């Protein structure tokens, strides 16, 4: 019997219909750009940055565009070992001109990250590789049909690189028209307006001969020069032109425990500090790690004899427009010391204005 629920149920309301239309237009534009030899990971990173594509839609879009539309080969694998130098992967794969590559790494904290393994800048999104995490590799030749066995071997070689190995390559991978290209960005140059140069009045002939003229004033202040519009700093221009891949993760920052023990008071201080930070910056998230393990409940740090004086607790921040990292690190260091009580003052359910 046919299901009473239609597959187009979500299109019954205007909001769902408009969202579907926008998504379809976005996917069609991705298809056109990939056909024009742009790497899907580079395109998706740009669209996530300008909010045209949601990060959760990356996997179905990659599967449809690469797998269904362009016939890319794919390989999924859990990493049983990890490469120590992620940047070296780009140094190797950037030589593979015979194939286009897209990698989706399921980061334990950031979720699915789609990257172009030929780009060092793209691989920088992956701060570290974890064993047993899922890696999905796509290999193809854009709009051209590729040899299935060659594409499969390329996928296997990428997985081996991410696992820290040195794969044997088929010579065909090194030759072709799929060479790495820098992502296209909207380069808008900000030009300072031209300022007309005022002509200096001609000096009287007497003045030229070193004698003062009768018509010359005793002292005339030089007219103030009209300041030209300041040129944007190079760093700002570079940041504006950079591809924004959405949420990022900072490196790990160490916080030394200087109290005799990281006890319940220290834990409560950290809770208040982190709550203050995330309240001020609602789009950011603070991740806490101890002994290589992600601590989802800070109360787990309060175990007798577990976190002692001299131990290091690490934290990282995820999100966009990350800021106040140094201030957060100072407050957490104070919260891990004997001065933690400063953060326990005030009403119980209040949020401290620390940032």
C-alpha atoms as a PDB file:
ATOM      1  CA  UNK A   1       0.000   0.000   0.000  1.00  0.00           C
ATOM      2  CA  UNK A   2       1.292   3.448  -0.886  1.00  0.00           C
ATOM      3  CA  UNK A   3       2.463   5.549   2.031  1.00  0.00           C
ATOM      4  CA  UNK A   4       0.122   8.372   2.996  1.00  0.00           C
ATOM      5  CA  UNK A   5       3.090  10.634   3.654  1.00  0.00           C
ATOM      6  CA  UNK A   6       4.232  12.356   0.458  1.00  0.00           C
ATOM      7  CA  UNK A   7       7.938  12.856  -0.233  1.00  0.00           C
ATOM      8  CA  UNK A   8       7.045  16.470  -0.994  1.00  0.00           C
ATOM      9  CA  UNK A   9       5.400  17.041   2.392  1.00  0.00           C
ATOM     10  CA  UNK A  10       8.014  19.678   3.261  1.00  0.00           C
ATOM     11  CA  UNK A  11       7.007  21.772   0.243  1.00  0.00           C
ATOM     12  CA  UNK A  12       3.488  22.324   1.529  1.00  0.00           C
ATOM     13  CA  UNK A  13       4.530  25.458   3.412  1.00  0.00           C
ATOM     14  CA  UNK A  14       6.153  28.542   1.956  1.00  0.00           C
ATOM     15  CA  UNK A  15       9.183  28.404   4.256  1.00  0.00           C
ATOM     16  CA  UNK A  16       9.992  24.797   3.354  1.00  0.00           C
ATOM     17  CA  UNK A  17       9.337  25.412  -0.337  1.00  0.00           C
ATOM     18  CA  UNK A  18      11.607  28.475  -0.475  1.00  0.00           C
ATOM     19  CA  UNK A  19      14.360  26.659   1.459  1.00  0.00           C
ATOM     20  CA  UNK A  20      14.193  23.781  -1.031  1.00  0.00           C
ATOM     21  CA  UNK A  21      14.386  26.142  -4.001  1.00  0.00           C
ATOM     22  CA  UNK A  22      17.411  27.908  -2.528  1.00  0.00           C
ATOM     23  CA  UNK A  23      19.127  24.574  -1.873  1.00  0.00           C
ATOM     24  CA  UNK A  24      18.458  23.345  -5.410  1.00  0.00           C
ATOM     25  CA  UNK A  25      19.855  26.567  -6.887  1.00  0.00           C
ATOM     26  CA  UNK A  26      22.951  26.221  -4.708  1.00  0.00           C
ATOM     27  CA  UNK A  27      23.516  22.610  -5.771  1.00  0.00           C
ATOM     28  CA  UNK A  28      23.055  23.498  -9.452  1.00  0.00           C
ATOM     29  CA  UNK A  29      25.665  26.238  -9.089  1.00  0.00           C
ATOM     30  CA  UNK A  30      28.035  23.722  -7.449  1.00  0.00           C
ATOM     31  CA  UNK A  31      27.540  21.318 -10.360  1.00  0.00           C
ATOM     32  CA  UNK A  32      28.377  24.074 -12.859  1.00  0.00           C
ATOM     33  CA  UNK A  33      31.519  25.087 -10.975  1.00  0.00           C
ATOM     34  CA  UNK A  34      32.772  21.510 -10.603  1.00  0.00           C
ATOM     35  CA  UNK A  35      32.162  20.998 -14.328  1.00  0.00           C
ATOM     36  CA  UNK A  36      34.330  24.092 -14.814  1.00  0.00           C
ATOM     37  CA  UNK A  37      37.146  22.280 -12.969  1.00  0.00           C
ATOM     38  CA  UNK A  38      36.738  23.776  -9.525  1.00  0.00           C
ATOM     39  CA  UNK A  39      37.308  21.441  -6.596  1.00  0.00           C
ATOM     40  CA  UNK A  40      34.051  20.725  -4.745  1.00  0.00           C
ATOM     41  CA  UNK A  41      35.683  21.145  -1.332  1.00  0.00           C
ATOM     42  CA  UNK A  42      36.909  24.623  -2.282  1.00  0.00           C
ATOM     43  CA  UNK A  43      33.463  25.584  -3.602  1.00  0.00           C
ATOM     44  CA  UNK A  44      31.636  24.211  -0.562  1.00  0.00           C
ATOM     45  CA  UNK A  45      34.033  25.984   1.808  1.00  0.00           C
ATOM     46  CA  UNK A  46      33.242  29.290   0.124  1.00  0.00           C
ATOM     47  CA  UNK A  47      29.472  28.686   0.256  1.00  0.00           C
ATOM     48  CA  UNK A  48      29.564  27.709   3.926  1.00  0.00           C
ATOM     49  CA  UNK A  49      31.502  30.874   4.652  1.00  0.00           C
ATOM     50  CA  UNK A  50      28.884  33.144   3.049  1.00  0.00           C
ATOM     51  CA  UNK A  51      25.976  31.154   4.572  1.00  0.00           C
ATOM     52  CA  UNK A  52      24.738  29.891   1.197  1.00  0.00           C
ATOM     53  CA  UNK A  53      25.132  26.276   2.325  1.00  0.00           C
ATOM     54  CA  UNK A  54      24.642  24.675   5.704  1.00  0.00           C
ATOM     55  CA  UNK A  55      27.510  22.595   7.089  1.00  0.00           C
ATOM     56  CA  UNK A  56      25.147  19.671   7.730  1.00  0.00           C
ATOM     57  CA  UNK A  57      24.330  19.471   4.005  1.00  0.00           C
ATOM     58  CA  UNK A  58      27.923  18.803   2.941  1.00  0.00           C
ATOM     59  CA  UNK A  59      27.730  15.007   2.902  1.00  0.00           C
ATOM     60  CA  UNK A  60      24.548  14.634   0.812  1.00  0.00           C
ATOM     61  CA  UNK A  61      25.725  17.354  -1.603  1.00  0.00           C
ATOM     62  CA  UNK A  62      29.113  15.659  -2.077  1.00  0.00           C
ATOM     63  CA  UNK A  63      27.453  12.276  -2.613  1.00  0.00           C
ATOM     64  CA  UNK A  64      24.993  13.630  -5.167  1.00  0.00           C
ATOM     65  CA  UNK A  65      27.359  15.916  -7.104  1.00  0.00           C
ATOM     66  CA  UNK A  66      30.482  13.754  -7.083  1.00  0.00           C
ATOM     67  CA  UNK A  67      29.074  10.241  -6.834  1.00  0.00           C
ATOM     68  CA  UNK A  68      25.828  10.529  -8.811  1.00  0.00           C
ATOM     69  CA  UNK A  69      26.447  13.380 -11.248  1.00  0.00           C
ATOM     70  CA  UNK A  70      30.136  13.068 -12.145  1.00  0.00           C
ATOM     71  CA  UNK A  71      30.775   9.389 -11.348  1.00  0.00           C
ATOM     72  CA  UNK A  72      33.625   9.878  -8.877  1.00  0.00           C
ATOM     73  CA  UNK A  73      34.947   6.772  -7.158  1.00  0.00           C
ATOM     74  CA  UNK A  74      34.622   6.785  -3.366  1.00  0.00           C
ATOM     75  CA  UNK A  75      36.126   4.911  -0.460  1.00  0.00           C
ATOM     76  CA  UNK A  76      35.185   5.006   3.236  1.00  0.00           C
ATOM     77  CA  UNK A  77      37.620   3.894   5.897  1.00  0.00           C
ATOM     78  CA  UNK A  78      38.186   4.190   9.630  1.00  0.00           C
ATOM     79  CA  UNK A  79      41.738   5.297  10.355  1.00  0.00           C
ATOM     80  CA  UNK A  80      43.594   2.597  12.248  1.00  0.00           C
ATOM     81  CA  UNK A  81      46.732   4.778  12.200  1.00  0.00           C
ATOM     82  CA  UNK A  82      47.230   8.507  11.599  1.00  0.00           C
ATOM     83  CA  UNK A  83      49.764  10.666   9.774  1.00  0.00           C
ATOM     84  CA  UNK A  84      51.919  12.827  12.023  1.00  0.00           C
ATOM     85  CA  UNK A  85      52.378  15.596   9.434  1.00  0.00           C
ATOM     86  CA  UNK A  86      49.069  16.443   7.772  1.00  0.00           C
ATOM     87  CA  UNK A  87      50.664  19.144   5.625  1.00  0.00           C
ATOM     88  CA  UNK A  88      52.877  16.561   3.923  1.00  0.00           C
ATOM     89  CA  UNK A  89      49.721  15.016   2.436  1.00  0.00           C
ATOM     90  CA  UNK A  90      49.179  18.167   0.374  1.00  0.00           C
ATOM     91  CA  UNK A  91      52.812  18.168  -0.740  1.00  0.00           C
ATOM     92  CA  UNK A  92      52.283  14.693  -2.190  1.00  0.00           C
ATOM     93  CA  UNK A  93      48.741  14.893  -3.616  1.00  0.00           C
ATOM     94  CA  UNK A  94      49.353  18.283  -5.252  1.00  0.00           C
ATOM     95  CA  UNK A  95      51.527  16.390  -7.754  1.00  0.00           C
ATOM     96  CA  UNK A  96      48.635  14.172  -8.812  1.00  0.00           C
ATOM     97  CA  UNK A  97      47.529  16.012 -11.946  1.00  0.00           C
ATOM     98  CA  UNK A  98      45.595  13.039 -13.258  1.00  0.00           C
ATOM     99  CA  UNK A  99      42.837  13.107 -10.669  1.00  0.00           C
ATOM    100  CA  UNK A 100      40.683  15.495  -8.643  1.00  0.00           C
ATOM    101  CA  UNK A 101      40.348  14.666  -4.940  1.00  0.00           C
ATOM    102  CA  UNK A 102      37.875  15.527  -2.182  1.00  0.00           C
ATOM    103  CA  UNK A 103      38.151  14.272   1.394  1.00  0.00           C
ATOM    104  CA  UNK A 104      35.505  14.325   4.127  1.00  0.00           C
ATOM    105  CA  UNK A 105      36.996  13.754   7.567  1.00  0.00           C
ATOM    106  CA  UNK A 106      34.591  13.164  10.440  1.00  0.00           C
ATOM    107  CA  UNK A 107      36.254  15.233  13.139  1.00  0.00           C
ATOM    108  CA  UNK A 108      35.312  14.118  16.679  1.00  0.00           C
ATOM    109  CA  UNK A 109      34.527  17.715  17.736  1.00  0.00           C
ATOM    110  CA  UNK A 110      33.820  19.698  14.549  1.00  0.00           C
ATOM    111  CA  UNK A 111      31.809  17.108  12.663  1.00  0.00           C
ATOM    112  CA  UNK A 112      32.244  16.466   8.943  1.00  0.00           C
ATOM    113  CA  UNK A 113      35.039  18.568   7.404  1.00  0.00           C
ATOM    114  CA  UNK A 114      35.230  18.619   3.600  1.00  0.00           C
ATOM    115  CA  UNK A 115      38.725  19.503   2.367  1.00  0.00           C
ATOM    116  CA  UNK A 116      40.807  19.525  -0.767  1.00  0.00           C
ATOM    117  CA  UNK A 117      43.788  17.299   0.137  1.00  0.00           C
ATOM    118  CA  UNK A 118      45.926  19.085  -2.471  1.00  0.00           C
ATOM    119  CA  UNK A 119      45.745  22.324  -0.471  1.00  0.00           C
ATOM    120  CA  UNK A 120      47.821  22.897   2.679  1.00  0.00           C
ATOM    121  CA  UNK A 121      45.481  25.722   3.704  1.00  0.00           C
ATOM    122  CA  UNK A 122      42.454  23.434   3.455  1.00  0.00           C
ATOM    123  CA  UNK A 123      44.136  20.649   5.435  1.00  0.00           C
ATOM    124  CA  UNK A 124      44.891  23.188   8.185  1.00  0.00           C
ATOM    125  CA  UNK A 125      41.204  22.886   9.157  1.00  0.00           C
ATOM    126  CA  UNK A 126      42.079  19.455  10.528  1.00  0.00           C
ATOM    127  CA  UNK A 127      44.028  20.242  13.670  1.00  0.00           C
ATOM    128  CA  UNK A 128      44.697  16.571  14.328  1.00  0.00           C
ATOM    129  CA  UNK A 129      43.775  13.116  13.064  1.00  0.00           C
ATOM    130  CA  UNK A 130      42.239  10.601  15.450  1.00  0.00           C
ATOM    131  CA  UNK A 131      42.355   6.854  15.196  1.00  0.00           C
ATOM    132  CA  UNK A 132      39.065   5.094  14.367  1.00  0.00           C
ATOM    133  CA  UNK A 133      37.518   8.262  12.901  1.00  0.00           C
ATOM    134  CA  UNK A 134      35.792   7.990   9.526  1.00  0.00           C
ATOM    135  CA  UNK A 135      37.496   9.223   6.347  1.00  0.00           C
ATOM    136  CA  UNK A 136      35.626   9.372   3.020  1.00  0.00           C
ATOM    137  CA  UNK A 137      37.641   9.962  -0.171  1.00  0.00           C
ATOM    138  CA  UNK A 138      36.279  10.909  -3.597  1.00  0.00           C
ATOM    139  CA  UNK A 139      38.414  10.704  -6.744  1.00  0.00           C
ATOM    140  CA  UNK A 140      37.392  11.719 -10.256  1.00  0.00           C
ATOM    141  CA  UNK A 141      38.194  13.874 -13.270  1.00  0.00           C
ATOM    142  CA  UNK A 142      35.561  16.628 -12.981  1.00  0.00           C
ATOM    143  CA  UNK A 143      33.120  16.307 -15.909  1.00  0.00           C
ATOM    144  CA  UNK A 144      35.288  13.742 -17.718  1.00  0.00           C
ATOM    145  CA  UNK A 145      34.945  10.016 -17.227  1.00  0.00           C
ATOM    146  CA  UNK A 146      37.859   8.411 -15.412  1.00  0.00           C
ATOM    147  CA  UNK A 147      39.187   4.888 -15.456  1.00  0.00           C
ATOM    148  CA  UNK A 148      37.485   3.102 -12.520  1.00  0.00           C
ATOM    149  CA  UNK A 149      40.583   1.172 -11.431  1.00  0.00           C
ATOM    150  CA  UNK A 150      42.736   4.307 -11.509  1.00  0.00           C
ATOM    151  CA  UNK A 151      40.215   6.286  -9.463  1.00  0.00           C
ATOM    152  CA  UNK A 152      39.912   3.470  -6.945  1.00  0.00           C
ATOM    153  CA  UNK A 153      43.700   3.272  -6.557  1.00  0.00           C
ATOM    154  CA  UNK A 154      43.783   7.047  -5.972  1.00  0.00           C
ATOM    155  CA  UNK A 155      41.224   6.706  -3.159  1.00  0.00           C
ATOM    156  CA  UNK A 156      43.225   3.899  -1.568  1.00  0.00           C
ATOM    157  CA  UNK A 157      46.433   5.932  -1.826  1.00  0.00           C
ATOM    158  CA  UNK A 158      44.824   8.936  -0.085  1.00  0.00           C
ATOM    159  CA  UNK A 159      43.604   6.745   2.778  1.00  0.00           C
ATOM    160  CA  UNK A 160      47.112   5.335   3.119  1.00  0.00           C
ATOM    161  CA  UNK A 161      48.582   8.853   3.240  1.00  0.00           C
ATOM    162  CA  UNK A 162      46.166   9.882   5.993  1.00  0.00           C
ATOM    163  CA  UNK A 163      47.171   6.698   7.810  1.00  0.00           C
ATOM    164  CA  UNK A 164      50.831   7.719   7.735  1.00  0.00           C
ATOM    165  CA  UNK A 165      51.886   5.365   4.956  1.00  0.00           C
ATOM    166  CA  UNK A 166      53.680   5.824   1.635  1.00  0.00           C
ATOM    167  CA  UNK A 167      51.532   4.374  -1.129  1.00  0.00           C
ATOM    168  CA  UNK A 168      52.809   3.106  -4.460  1.00  0.00           C
ATOM    169  CA  UNK A 169      51.371   5.284  -7.206  1.00  0.00           C
ATOM    170  CA  UNK A 170      50.369   4.438 -10.739  1.00  0.00           C
ATOM    171  CA  UNK A 171      52.175   6.741 -13.211  1.00  0.00           C
ATOM    172  CA  UNK A 172      48.825   7.830 -14.683  1.00  0.00           C
ATOM    173  CA  UNK A 173      48.014   9.706 -11.465  1.00  0.00           C
ATOM    174  CA  UNK A 174      50.773  12.215 -12.119  1.00  0.00           C
ATOM    175  CA  UNK A 175      49.747  13.268 -15.634  1.00  0.00           C
ATOM    176  CA  UNK A 176      46.539  14.943 -16.688  1.00  0.00           C
ATOM    177  CA  UNK A 177      44.462  18.113 -16.646  1.00  0.00           C
ATOM    178  CA  UNK A 178      43.360  17.989 -12.997  1.00  0.00           C
ATOM    179  CA  UNK A 179      46.207  20.061 -11.566  1.00  0.00           C
ATOM    180  CA  UNK A 180      45.569  21.923  -8.332  1.00  0.00           C
ATOM    181  CA  UNK A 181      44.290  25.475  -8.740  1.00  0.00           C
ATOM    182  CA  UNK A 182      43.907  28.114  -6.083  1.00  0.00           C
ATOM    183  CA  UNK A 183      40.231  28.649  -5.171  1.00  0.00           C
ATOM    184  CA  UNK A 184      38.489  31.465  -6.988  1.00  0.00           C
ATOM    185  CA  UNK A 185      37.685  34.375  -4.720  1.00  0.00           C
ATOM    186  CA  UNK A 186      35.959  37.663  -5.238  1.00  0.00           C
ATOM    187  CA  UNK A 187      38.841  40.081  -5.426  1.00  0.00           C
ATOM    188  CA  UNK A 188      37.497  43.553  -4.855  1.00  0.00           C
ATOM    189  CA  UNK A 189      40.247  46.080  -4.779  1.00  0.00           C
ATOM    190  CA  UNK A 190      39.594  49.119  -2.658  1.00  0.00           C
ATOM    191  CA  UNK A 191      41.077  52.056  -4.487  1.00  0.00           C
ATOM    192  CA  UNK A 192      41.731  55.341  -2.757  1.00  0.00           C
ATOM    193  CA  UNK A 193      40.091  58.315  -4.480  1.00  0.00           C
ATOM    194  CA  UNK A 194      42.415  60.437  -6.491  1.00  0.00           C
ATOM    195  CA  UNK A 195      43.120  63.802  -4.938  1.00  0.00           C
ATOM    196  CA  UNK A 196      43.833  66.645  -7.309  1.00  0.00           C
ATOM    197  CA  UNK A 197      47.220  68.114  -6.691  1.00  0.00           C
ATOM    198  CA  UNK A 198      47.050  71.825  -6.017  1.00  0.00           C
ATOM    199  CA  UNK A 199      49.499  73.774  -8.091  1.00  0.00           C
ATOM    200  CA  UNK A 200      51.879  75.844  -6.042  1.00  0.00           C
ATOM    201  CA  UNK A 201      51.714  79.572  -6.854  1.00  0.00           C
ATOM    202  CA  UNK A 202      54.618  80.832  -8.882  1.00  0.00           C
ATOM    203  CA  UNK A 203      57.133  82.762  -6.864  1.00  0.00           C
ATOM    204  CA  UNK A 204      57.689  86.367  -7.904  1.00  0.00           C
ATOM    205  CA  UNK A 205      60.803  87.053  -9.925  1.00  0.00           C
ATOM    206  CA  UNK A 206      62.286  89.050  -7.072  1.00  0.00           C
ATOM    207  CA  UNK A 207      61.930  86.101  -4.768  1.00  0.00           C
ATOM    208  CA  UNK A 208      63.706  83.905  -7.268  1.00  0.00           C
ATOM    209  CA  UNK A 209      66.669  86.331  -7.151  1.00  0.00           C
ATOM    210  CA  UNK A 210      66.701  86.090  -3.325  1.00  0.00           C
ATOM    211  CA  UNK A 211      65.020  89.477  -2.684  1.00  0.00           C
ATOM    212  CA  UNK A 212      61.615  89.854  -1.045  1.00  0.00           C
ATOM    213  CA  UNK A 213      58.813  91.136  -3.244  1.00  0.00           C
ATOM    214  CA  UNK A 214      56.590  94.050  -2.277  1.00  0.00           C
ATOM    215  CA  UNK A 215      53.504  92.002  -3.016  1.00  0.00           C
ATOM    216  CA  UNK A 216      54.725  89.006  -1.045  1.00  0.00           C
ATOM    217  CA  UNK A 217      53.195  88.591   2.441  1.00  0.00           C
ATOM    218  CA  UNK A 218      55.443  88.475   5.443  1.00  0.00           C
ATOM    219  CA  UNK A 219      54.436  84.905   6.395  1.00  0.00           C
ATOM    220  CA  UNK A 220      51.963  82.611   4.710  1.00  0.00           C
ATOM    221  CA  UNK A 221      50.999  79.303   6.264  1.00  0.00           C
ATOM    222  CA  UNK A 222      51.243  76.449   3.829  1.00  0.00           C
ATOM    223  CA  UNK A 223      47.838  74.984   2.985  1.00  0.00           C
ATOM    224  CA  UNK A 224      47.155  71.725   4.750  1.00  0.00           C
ATOM    225  CA  UNK A 225      47.444  68.783   2.420  1.00  0.00           C
ATOM    226  CA  UNK A 226      44.246  66.842   1.883  1.00  0.00           C
ATOM    227  CA  UNK A 227      44.927  63.402   3.339  1.00  0.00           C
ATOM    228  CA  UNK A 228      44.440  60.545   0.935  1.00  0.00           C
ATOM    229  CA  UNK A 229      42.138  57.758   1.969  1.00  0.00           C
ATOM    230  CA  UNK A 230      44.223  55.165   3.809  1.00  0.00           C
ATOM    231  CA  UNK A 231      44.859  51.981   1.929  1.00  0.00           C
ATOM    232  CA  UNK A 232      43.482  48.852   3.566  1.00  0.00           C
ATOM    233  CA  UNK A 233      46.190  46.846   5.333  1.00  0.00           C
ATOM    234  CA  UNK A 234      47.504  43.860   3.421  1.00  0.00           C
ATOM    235  CA  UNK A 235      46.439  41.495   6.187  1.00  0.00           C
ATOM    236  CA  UNK A 236      42.837  42.739   5.957  1.00  0.00           C
ATOM    237  CA  UNK A 237      42.777  42.328   2.177  1.00  0.00           C
ATOM    238  CA  UNK A 238      44.188  38.809   2.467  1.00  0.00           C
ATOM    239  CA  UNK A 239      41.607  37.906   5.106  1.00  0.00           C
ATOM    240  CA  UNK A 240      38.790  39.233   2.933  1.00  0.00           C
ATOM    241  CA  UNK A 241      39.979  37.196  -0.032  1.00  0.00           C
ATOM    242  CA  UNK A 242      40.548  33.992   1.918  1.00  0.00           C
ATOM    243  CA  UNK A 243      38.080  31.167   1.573  1.00  0.00           C
ATOM    244  CA  UNK A 244      36.134  30.822   4.791  1.00  0.00           C
ATOM    245  CA  UNK A 245      35.340  27.199   5.541  1.00  0.00           C
ATOM    246  CA  UNK A 246      32.872  27.870   8.312  1.00  0.00           C
ATOM    247  CA  UNK A 247      33.544  26.857  11.866  1.00  0.00           C
ATOM    248  CA  UNK A 248      37.192  26.548  12.827  1.00  0.00           C
ATOM    249  CA  UNK A 249      39.023  25.106  15.787  1.00  0.00           C
ATOM    250  CA  UNK A 250      41.917  26.794  17.532  1.00  0.00           C
ATOM    251  CA  UNK A 251      45.039  24.914  18.575  1.00  0.00           C
ATOM    252  CA  UNK A 252      45.108  23.353  22.024  1.00  0.00           C
ATOM    253  CA  UNK A 253      45.991  25.773  24.836  1.00  0.00           C
ATOM    254  CA  UNK A 254      47.537  24.537  28.099  1.00  0.00           C
ATOM    255  CA  UNK A 255      46.320  25.582  31.532  1.00  0.00           C
ATOM    256  CA  UNK A 256      48.610  24.581  34.404  1.00  0.00           C
ATOM    257  CA  UNK A 257      46.941  23.482  37.637  1.00  0.00           C
ATOM    258  CA  UNK A 258      48.675  25.444  40.405  1.00  0.00           C
ATOM    259  CA  UNK A 259      46.250  24.564  43.185  1.00  0.00           C
ATOM    260  CA  UNK A 260      47.176  21.606  45.356  1.00  0.00           C
ATOM    261  CA  UNK A 261      44.321  19.729  43.673  1.00  0.00           C
ATOM    262  CA  UNK A 262      41.799  20.597  40.981  1.00  0.00           C
ATOM    263  CA  UNK A 263      38.871  20.150  43.317  1.00  0.00           C
ATOM    264  CA  UNK A 264      35.169  21.022  43.241  1.00  0.00           C
ATOM    265  CA  UNK A 265      35.820  24.745  43.783  1.00  0.00           C
ATOM    266  CA  UNK A 266      38.089  24.868  40.735  1.00  0.00           C
ATOM    267  CA  UNK A 267      35.482  23.007  38.693  1.00  0.00           C
ATOM    268  CA  UNK A 268      32.735  25.479  39.638  1.00  0.00           C
ATOM    269  CA  UNK A 269      35.044  28.387  38.814  1.00  0.00           C
ATOM    270  CA  UNK A 270      35.727  26.952  35.360  1.00  0.00           C
ATOM    271  CA  UNK A 271      32.009  26.462  34.774  1.00  0.00           C
ATOM    272  CA  UNK A 272      31.324  30.128  35.546  1.00  0.00           C
ATOM    273  CA  UNK A 273      34.230  31.327  33.381  1.00  0.00           C
ATOM    274  CA  UNK A 274      33.207  29.221  30.385  1.00  0.00           C
ATOM    275  CA  UNK A 275      29.531  30.190  30.776  1.00  0.00           C
ATOM    276  CA  UNK A 276      30.536  33.852  30.832  1.00  0.00           C
ATOM    277  CA  UNK A 277      32.580  33.365  27.659  1.00  0.00           C
ATOM    278  CA  UNK A 278      29.906  31.486  25.697  1.00  0.00           C
ATOM    279  CA  UNK A 279      27.235  33.967  26.840  1.00  0.00           C
ATOM    280  CA  UNK A 280      29.307  36.848  25.483  1.00  0.00           C
ATOM    281  CA  UNK A 281      30.152  34.884  22.305  1.00  0.00           C
ATOM    282  CA  UNK A 282      27.120  32.615  21.671  1.00  0.00           C
ATOM    283  CA  UNK A 283      28.517  31.298  18.382  1.00  0.00           C
ATOM    284  CA  UNK A 284      31.640  29.870  20.044  1.00  0.00           C
ATOM    285  CA  UNK A 285      32.168  26.661  21.983  1.00  0.00           C
ATOM    286  CA  UNK A 286      34.892  25.840  24.521  1.00  0.00           C
ATOM    287  CA  UNK A 287      36.195  22.258  24.384  1.00  0.00           C
ATOM    288  CA  UNK A 288      38.121  20.912  27.378  1.00  0.00           C
ATOM    289  CA  UNK A 289      40.603  18.028  27.190  1.00  0.00           C
ATOM    290  CA  UNK A 290      42.564  16.120  29.812  1.00  0.00           C
ATOM    291  CA  UNK A 291      45.036  13.323  29.228  1.00  0.00           C
ATOM    292  CA  UNK A 292      44.074  13.185  25.531  1.00  0.00           C
ATOM    293  CA  UNK A 293      40.373  12.755  26.320  1.00  0.00           C
ATOM    294  CA  UNK A 294      37.538  15.178  25.587  1.00  0.00           C
ATOM    295  CA  UNK A 295      35.843  16.176  28.860  1.00  0.00           C
ATOM    296  CA  UNK A 296      32.160  16.751  28.154  1.00  0.00           C
ATOM    297  CA  UNK A 297      31.271  17.091  31.852  1.00  0.00           C
ATOM    298  CA  UNK A 298      33.655  19.251  33.878  1.00  0.00           C
ATOM    299  CA  UNK A 299      32.591  17.442  37.042  1.00  0.00           C
ATOM    300  CA  UNK A 300      34.574  14.473  35.724  1.00  0.00           C
ATOM    301  CA  UNK A 301      37.747  16.455  36.453  1.00  0.00           C
ATOM    302  CA  UNK A 302      36.883  16.388  40.159  1.00  0.00           C
ATOM    303  CA  UNK A 303      38.119  12.971  41.119  1.00  0.00           C
ATOM    304  CA  UNK A 304      40.348  12.550  44.115  1.00  0.00           C
ATOM    305  CA  UNK A 305      43.947  12.246  43.004  1.00  0.00           C
ATOM    306  CA  UNK A 306      43.182  12.543  39.284  1.00  0.00           C
ATOM    307  CA  UNK A 307      44.089  16.156  38.467  1.00  0.00           C
ATOM    308  CA  UNK A 308      46.842  17.251  40.817  1.00  0.00           C
ATOM    309  CA  UNK A 309      49.159  20.213  41.169  1.00  0.00           C
ATOM    310  CA  UNK A 310      51.341  20.548  38.068  1.00  0.00           C
ATOM    311  CA  UNK A 311      48.899  18.802  35.729  1.00  0.00           C
ATOM    312  CA  UNK A 312      47.939  20.354  32.394  1.00  0.00           C
ATOM    313  CA  UNK A 313      44.344  20.771  31.287  1.00  0.00           C
ATOM    314  CA  UNK A 314      43.910  21.760  27.664  1.00  0.00           C
ATOM    315  CA  UNK A 315      41.162  23.674  25.919  1.00  0.00           C
ATOM    316  CA  UNK A 316      40.288  24.751  22.394  1.00  0.00           C
ATOM    317  CA  UNK A 317      37.613  26.990  20.899  1.00  0.00           C
ATOM    318  CA  UNK A 318      35.447  26.251  17.866  1.00  0.00           C
ATOM    319  CA  UNK A 319      33.320  28.605  15.806  1.00  0.00           C
ATOM    320  CA  UNK A 320      33.683  31.676  13.631  1.00  0.00           C
ATOM    321  CA  UNK A 321      35.249  35.026  14.538  1.00  0.00           C
ATOM    322  CA  UNK A 322      37.110  33.540  17.511  1.00  0.00           C
ATOM    323  CA  UNK A 323      38.288  36.180  19.997  1.00  0.00           C
ATOM    324  CA  UNK A 324      39.219  36.787  23.673  1.00  0.00           C
ATOM    325  CA  UNK A 325      41.304  33.588  23.724  1.00  0.00           C
ATOM    326  CA  UNK A 326      44.140  35.086  25.775  1.00  0.00           C
ATOM    327  CA  UNK A 327      41.714  36.523  28.332  1.00  0.00           C
ATOM    328  CA  UNK A 328      39.924  33.184  28.616  1.00  0.00           C
ATOM    329  CA  UNK A 329      43.242  31.429  29.169  1.00  0.00           C
ATOM    330  CA  UNK A 330      44.161  33.885  31.974  1.00  0.00           C
ATOM    331  CA  UNK A 331      40.834  33.400  33.726  1.00  0.00           C
ATOM    332  CA  UNK A 332      41.038  29.609  33.460  1.00  0.00           C
ATOM    333  CA  UNK A 333      44.566  29.688  34.862  1.00  0.00           C
ATOM    334  CA  UNK A 334      43.289  31.701  37.820  1.00  0.00           C
ATOM    335  CA  UNK A 335      40.379  29.279  38.183  1.00  0.00           C
ATOM    336  CA  UNK A 336      42.881  26.405  38.361  1.00  0.00           C
ATOM    337  CA  UNK A 337      44.823  28.112  41.167  1.00  0.00           C
ATOM    338  CA  UNK A 338      44.125  28.856  44.812  1.00  0.00           C
ATOM    339  CA  UNK A 339      42.492  32.135  43.701  1.00  0.00           C
ATOM    340  CA  UNK A 340      39.438  30.341  42.283  1.00  0.00           C
ATOM    341  CA  UNK A 341      37.111  31.792  44.927  1.00  0.00           C
ATOM    342  CA  UNK A 342      37.000  35.127  43.074  1.00  0.00           C
ATOM    343  CA  UNK A 343      34.725  33.465  40.496  1.00  0.00           C
ATOM    344  CA  UNK A 344      32.321  31.970  43.034  1.00  0.00           C
ATOM    345  CA  UNK A 345      30.911  35.251  44.275  1.00  0.00           C
ATOM    346  CA  UNK A 346      27.479  36.590  43.375  1.00  0.00           C
ATOM    347  CA  UNK A 347      24.067  34.939  42.983  1.00  0.00           C
ATOM    348  CA  UNK A 348      24.014  31.239  42.231  1.00  0.00           C
ATOM    349  CA  UNK A 349      22.412  31.354  38.771  1.00  0.00           C
ATOM    350  CA  UNK A 350      23.978  34.633  37.636  1.00  0.00           C
ATOM    351  CA  UNK A 351      26.402  34.975  34.704  1.00  0.00           C
ATOM    352  CA  UNK A 352      29.570  36.894  35.404  1.00  0.00           C
ATOM    353  CA  UNK A 353      30.487  39.720  33.023  1.00  0.00           C
ATOM    354  CA  UNK A 354      34.117  38.731  32.471  1.00  0.00           C
ATOM    355  CA  UNK A 355      34.347  39.390  28.725  1.00  0.00           C
END
